[in-house]
Amino acid sequence: MTPPEANREPATGTAGETPPAASVCAVETLRKRADFLAAARARRQSTDSFLLQARRRAADESAPDLIRVGFTCSKKVGNAVARNRAKRRLRATARMVLPTEGRAGWDYVLIGRPVDTAARPFHLLKDDLSKALKRIHSK
């Protein structure tokens, strides 16, 4: 028995065609402490739900065509459960916004805020990131 969805044609394009990819640039996660420290010395933009730190990587650094992003929450955010929830929300926001609005060759670090990161409605969290990126890149 085939599921009912199997007989449907894609919403965009013709049958057999895959829709265009939504992302413009690949996103990679920051893992090294030195990368986080370098971003901390660069530009920053505060929002209601998080702090965004951003820096343009030098031309001789690795992967000039990638957007790199890191996430952090201090113990001020709460216990491990609260910190992990805040970081999950930040990761989901970055996954949706950065490929289209971020710039290749930049590192971004999103720092969660106590209560606000976890409690803010998700659409406002995405709007905060979009606005913060616009402000960072207009400097």
Protein backbone atom coordinates (compact mmCIF):
# COMPACT_ATOMS: atom_id res chain seq x y z
CA MET A 1 0.00 0.00 0.00
CA THR A 2 1.44 3.38 -0.98
CA PRO A 3 0.98 6.41 1.23
CA PRO A 4 -1.37 9.11 -0.10
CA GLU A 5 1.54 11.58 -0.39
CA ALA A 6 3.33 9.33 -2.89
CA ASN A 7 0.92 10.16 -5.72
CA ARG A 8 1.20 13.93 -5.38
CA GLU A 9 3.32 16.09 -7.65
CA PRO A 10 5.71 18.60 -6.09
CA ALA A 11 4.19 21.98 -5.24
CA THR A 12 6.72 23.84 -7.39
CA GLY A 13 8.12 22.89 -10.77
CA THR A 14 7.14 19.92 -12.87
CA ALA A 15 6.99 16.28 -11.88
CA GLY A 16 10.41 14.77 -11.27
CA GLU A 17 12.10 18.15 -10.68
CA THR A 18 13.42 19.02 -7.27
CA PRO A 19 12.73 22.51 -5.92
CA PRO A 20 15.70 24.88 -5.71
CA ALA A 21 17.78 24.75 -2.56
CA ALA A 22 16.87 27.35 0.04
CA SER A 23 20.38 27.95 1.30
CA VAL A 24 22.75 30.27 -0.49
CA CYS A 25 25.88 29.49 1.53
CA ALA A 26 27.02 26.52 3.61
CA VAL A 27 27.03 26.92 7.39
CA GLU A 28 29.62 25.25 9.64
CA THR A 29 29.74 25.13 13.45
CA LEU A 30 32.57 26.75 15.41
CA ARG A 31 34.29 24.28 17.72
CA LYS A 32 37.62 25.80 18.79
CA ARG A 33 37.89 28.14 21.76
CA ALA A 34 40.22 30.41 19.78
CA ASP A 35 37.45 31.06 17.24
CA PHE A 36 35.03 32.05 20.00
CA LEU A 37 37.63 34.36 21.54
CA ALA A 38 38.35 35.98 18.19
CA ALA A 39 34.63 36.67 17.69
CA ALA A 40 34.41 38.14 21.19
CA ARG A 41 36.98 40.80 20.21
CA ALA A 42 35.02 41.81 17.09
CA ARG A 43 31.66 43.46 16.41
CA ARG A 44 28.68 42.79 18.63
CA GLN A 45 25.00 43.55 18.48
CA SER A 46 22.59 43.13 21.36
CA THR A 47 18.97 42.05 20.90
CA ASP A 48 16.16 41.31 23.31
CA SER A 49 16.76 37.57 23.15
CA PHE A 50 20.52 37.10 22.58
CA LEU A 51 23.85 38.79 21.90
CA LEU A 52 25.38 38.40 18.44
CA GLN A 53 29.14 38.62 17.96
CA ALA A 54 30.48 38.69 14.41
CA ARG A 55 33.84 38.97 12.72
CA ARG A 56 35.10 38.80 9.18
CA ARG A 57 37.76 36.11 8.80
CA ALA A 58 41.09 37.03 7.25
CA ALA A 59 41.71 35.97 3.66
CA ASP A 60 44.38 33.47 4.73
CA GLU A 61 42.06 31.66 7.18
CA SER A 62 40.29 28.46 6.23
CA ALA A 63 37.14 28.16 4.11
CA PRO A 64 36.48 31.69 2.80
CA ASP A 65 33.22 30.52 1.22
CA LEU A 66 31.65 29.25 4.46
CA ILE A 67 29.58 30.90 7.16
CA ARG A 68 30.69 29.66 10.57
CA VAL A 69 28.49 29.94 13.65
CA GLY A 70 28.89 29.11 17.34
CA PHE A 71 26.43 29.00 20.23
CA THR A 72 26.99 29.51 23.93
CA CYS A 73 24.97 29.99 27.10
CA SER A 74 26.45 30.69 30.51
CA LYS A 75 25.19 29.24 33.77
CA LYS A 76 23.26 32.48 34.27
CA VAL A 77 20.78 31.10 31.72
CA GLY A 78 19.92 28.27 34.11
CA ASN A 79 20.64 24.62 34.68
CA ALA A 80 21.81 22.27 31.91
CA VAL A 81 18.26 21.67 30.69
CA ALA A 82 17.58 25.41 30.31
CA ARG A 83 20.94 26.05 28.63
CA ASN A 84 20.43 23.20 26.16
CA ARG A 85 16.91 24.41 25.33
CA ALA A 86 18.18 27.93 24.70
CA LYS A 87 20.99 26.63 22.46
CA ARG A 88 18.58 24.41 20.52
CA ARG A 89 16.40 27.45 19.79
CA LEU A 90 19.45 29.49 18.74
CA ARG A 91 20.63 26.67 16.44
CA ALA A 92 17.21 26.40 14.81
CA THR A 93 17.07 30.16 14.30
CA ALA A 94 20.56 30.26 12.80
CA ARG A 95 19.76 27.32 10.52
CA MET A 96 16.81 29.25 9.08
CA VAL A 97 18.27 32.77 8.85
CA LEU A 98 22.04 32.58 8.32
CA PRO A 99 22.18 30.75 4.96
CA THR A 100 20.26 33.57 3.29
CA GLU A 101 21.16 36.65 5.38
CA GLY A 102 24.64 35.80 6.68
CA ARG A 103 27.79 36.54 4.70
CA ALA A 104 30.37 34.05 3.53
CA GLY A 105 33.74 34.46 5.23
CA TRP A 106 32.21 35.59 8.53
CA ASP A 107 32.08 33.96 11.97
CA TYR A 108 29.01 34.50 14.14
CA VAL A 109 28.54 33.62 17.82
CA LEU A 110 25.07 33.69 19.39
CA ILE A 111 25.04 34.04 23.16
CA GLY A 112 21.82 33.16 24.96
CA ARG A 113 20.21 35.40 27.58
CA PRO A 114 18.58 34.22 30.80
CA VAL A 115 14.84 33.52 30.33
CA ASP A 116 14.51 35.61 27.14
CA THR A 117 16.11 33.16 24.69
CA ALA A 118 13.93 30.26 25.78
CA ALA A 119 10.72 32.22 26.34
CA ARG A 120 10.63 34.53 23.31
CA PRO A 121 8.28 33.46 20.48
CA PHE A 122 10.23 31.80 17.69
CA HIS A 123 9.22 34.23 14.93
CA LEU A 124 10.51 37.12 17.06
CA LEU A 125 13.75 35.23 17.63
CA LYS A 126 14.22 34.98 13.85
CA ASP A 127 13.37 38.68 13.44
CA ASP A 128 15.95 39.56 16.12
CA LEU A 129 18.66 37.66 14.24
CA SER A 130 17.75 39.28 10.93
CA LYS A 131 17.84 42.77 12.44
CA ALA A 132 21.11 42.09 14.27
CA LEU A 133 22.75 40.85 11.06
CA LYS A 134 21.65 43.96 9.19
CA ARG A 135 23.09 46.19 11.92
CA ILE A 136 26.36 44.26 12.08
CA HIS A 137 26.89 44.43 8.33
CA SER A 138 25.96 48.11 8.08
CA LYS A 139 28.83 49.15 10.39
